[in-house]
């Protein structure tokens, strides 16, 4: 691929982007607080985390729970 980077549109990623998570969790800033709020919204006990502590939310799970 000659060193070119492929960038997919945000809504085709298998997980929610940081911007989408920030919109859902506004005005929260702490990754821990965001994870708690998302767990409550989605009705799950726990979400996987990135090394920086931010929550990882699968797009399919989110769409299933929000529809």
Protein backbone atom coordinates (compact mmCIF):
# COMPACT_ATOMS: atom_id res chain seq x y z
CA UNK A 1 0.00 0.00 0.00
CA UNK A 2 3.02 2.27 -0.36
CA UNK A 3 2.80 3.52 3.22
CA UNK A 4 -0.65 5.02 2.71
CA UNK A 5 -3.02 4.89 5.62
CA UNK A 6 -6.63 3.88 5.05
CA UNK A 7 -9.07 5.97 7.06
CA UNK A 8 -12.59 4.60 7.43
CA UNK A 9 -15.57 6.84 8.10
CA UNK A 10 -16.27 6.90 11.84
CA UNK A 11 -19.64 5.16 11.63
CA UNK A 12 -18.12 2.08 9.94
CA UNK A 13 -15.76 1.33 12.81
CA UNK A 14 -16.76 -1.70 14.91
CA UNK A 15 -16.66 0.44 18.06
CA UNK A 16 -17.77 3.94 19.03
CA UNK A 17 -15.21 6.68 18.45
CA UNK A 18 -13.89 8.89 21.24
CA UNK A 19 -15.99 11.75 19.85
CA UNK A 20 -19.16 9.63 19.97
CA UNK A 21 -18.42 8.53 23.53
CA UNK A 22 -17.71 12.13 24.56
CA UNK A 23 -21.04 13.26 23.06
CA UNK A 24 -22.93 10.55 24.95
CA UNK A 25 -21.18 11.34 28.22
CA UNK A 26 -21.11 15.11 28.10
CA UNK A 27 -20.22 16.89 30.51
CA UNK A 28 -18.21 14.04 32.08
CA UNK A 29 -14.44 14.15 31.56
CA UNK A 30 -13.07 11.26 33.60
CA UNK A 31 -12.79 7.93 31.78
CA UNK A 32 -14.04 6.15 34.90
CA UNK A 33 -17.14 8.34 35.04
CA UNK A 34 -17.76 7.82 31.31
CA UNK A 35 -17.51 4.04 31.76
CA UNK A 36 -20.02 4.11 34.66
CA UNK A 37 -22.49 6.19 32.66
CA UNK A 38 -22.18 3.98 29.58
CA UNK A 39 -22.66 0.83 31.69
CA UNK A 40 -25.85 2.34 33.08
CA UNK A 41 -27.12 3.39 29.63
CA UNK A 42 -26.35 0.00 28.07
CA UNK A 43 -27.38 -2.10 31.04
CA UNK A 44 -24.08 -3.93 31.37
CA UNK A 45 -21.94 -4.55 34.43
CA UNK A 46 -18.59 -3.70 32.87
CA UNK A 47 -17.01 -2.51 29.61
CA UNK A 48 -13.55 -3.31 28.26
CA UNK A 49 -11.01 -0.48 28.54
CA UNK A 50 -8.16 0.88 26.50
CA UNK A 51 -4.74 1.24 28.16
CA UNK A 52 -5.56 4.89 28.94
CA UNK A 53 -8.71 3.79 30.78
CA UNK A 54 -11.26 4.97 28.25
CA UNK A 55 -14.19 2.62 27.69
CA UNK A 56 -14.54 0.56 24.51
CA UNK A 57 -18.12 0.25 23.29
CA UNK A 58 -18.97 -2.04 20.40
CA UNK A 59 -21.14 -0.37 17.79
CA UNK A 60 -23.39 -3.43 17.44
CA UNK A 61 -24.01 -3.61 21.22
CA UNK A 62 -24.76 0.10 21.34
CA UNK A 63 -27.16 -0.03 18.38
CA UNK A 64 -28.96 -3.11 19.76
CA UNK A 65 -29.44 -1.58 23.21
CA UNK A 66 -30.44 1.86 21.94
CA UNK A 67 -33.05 0.70 19.41
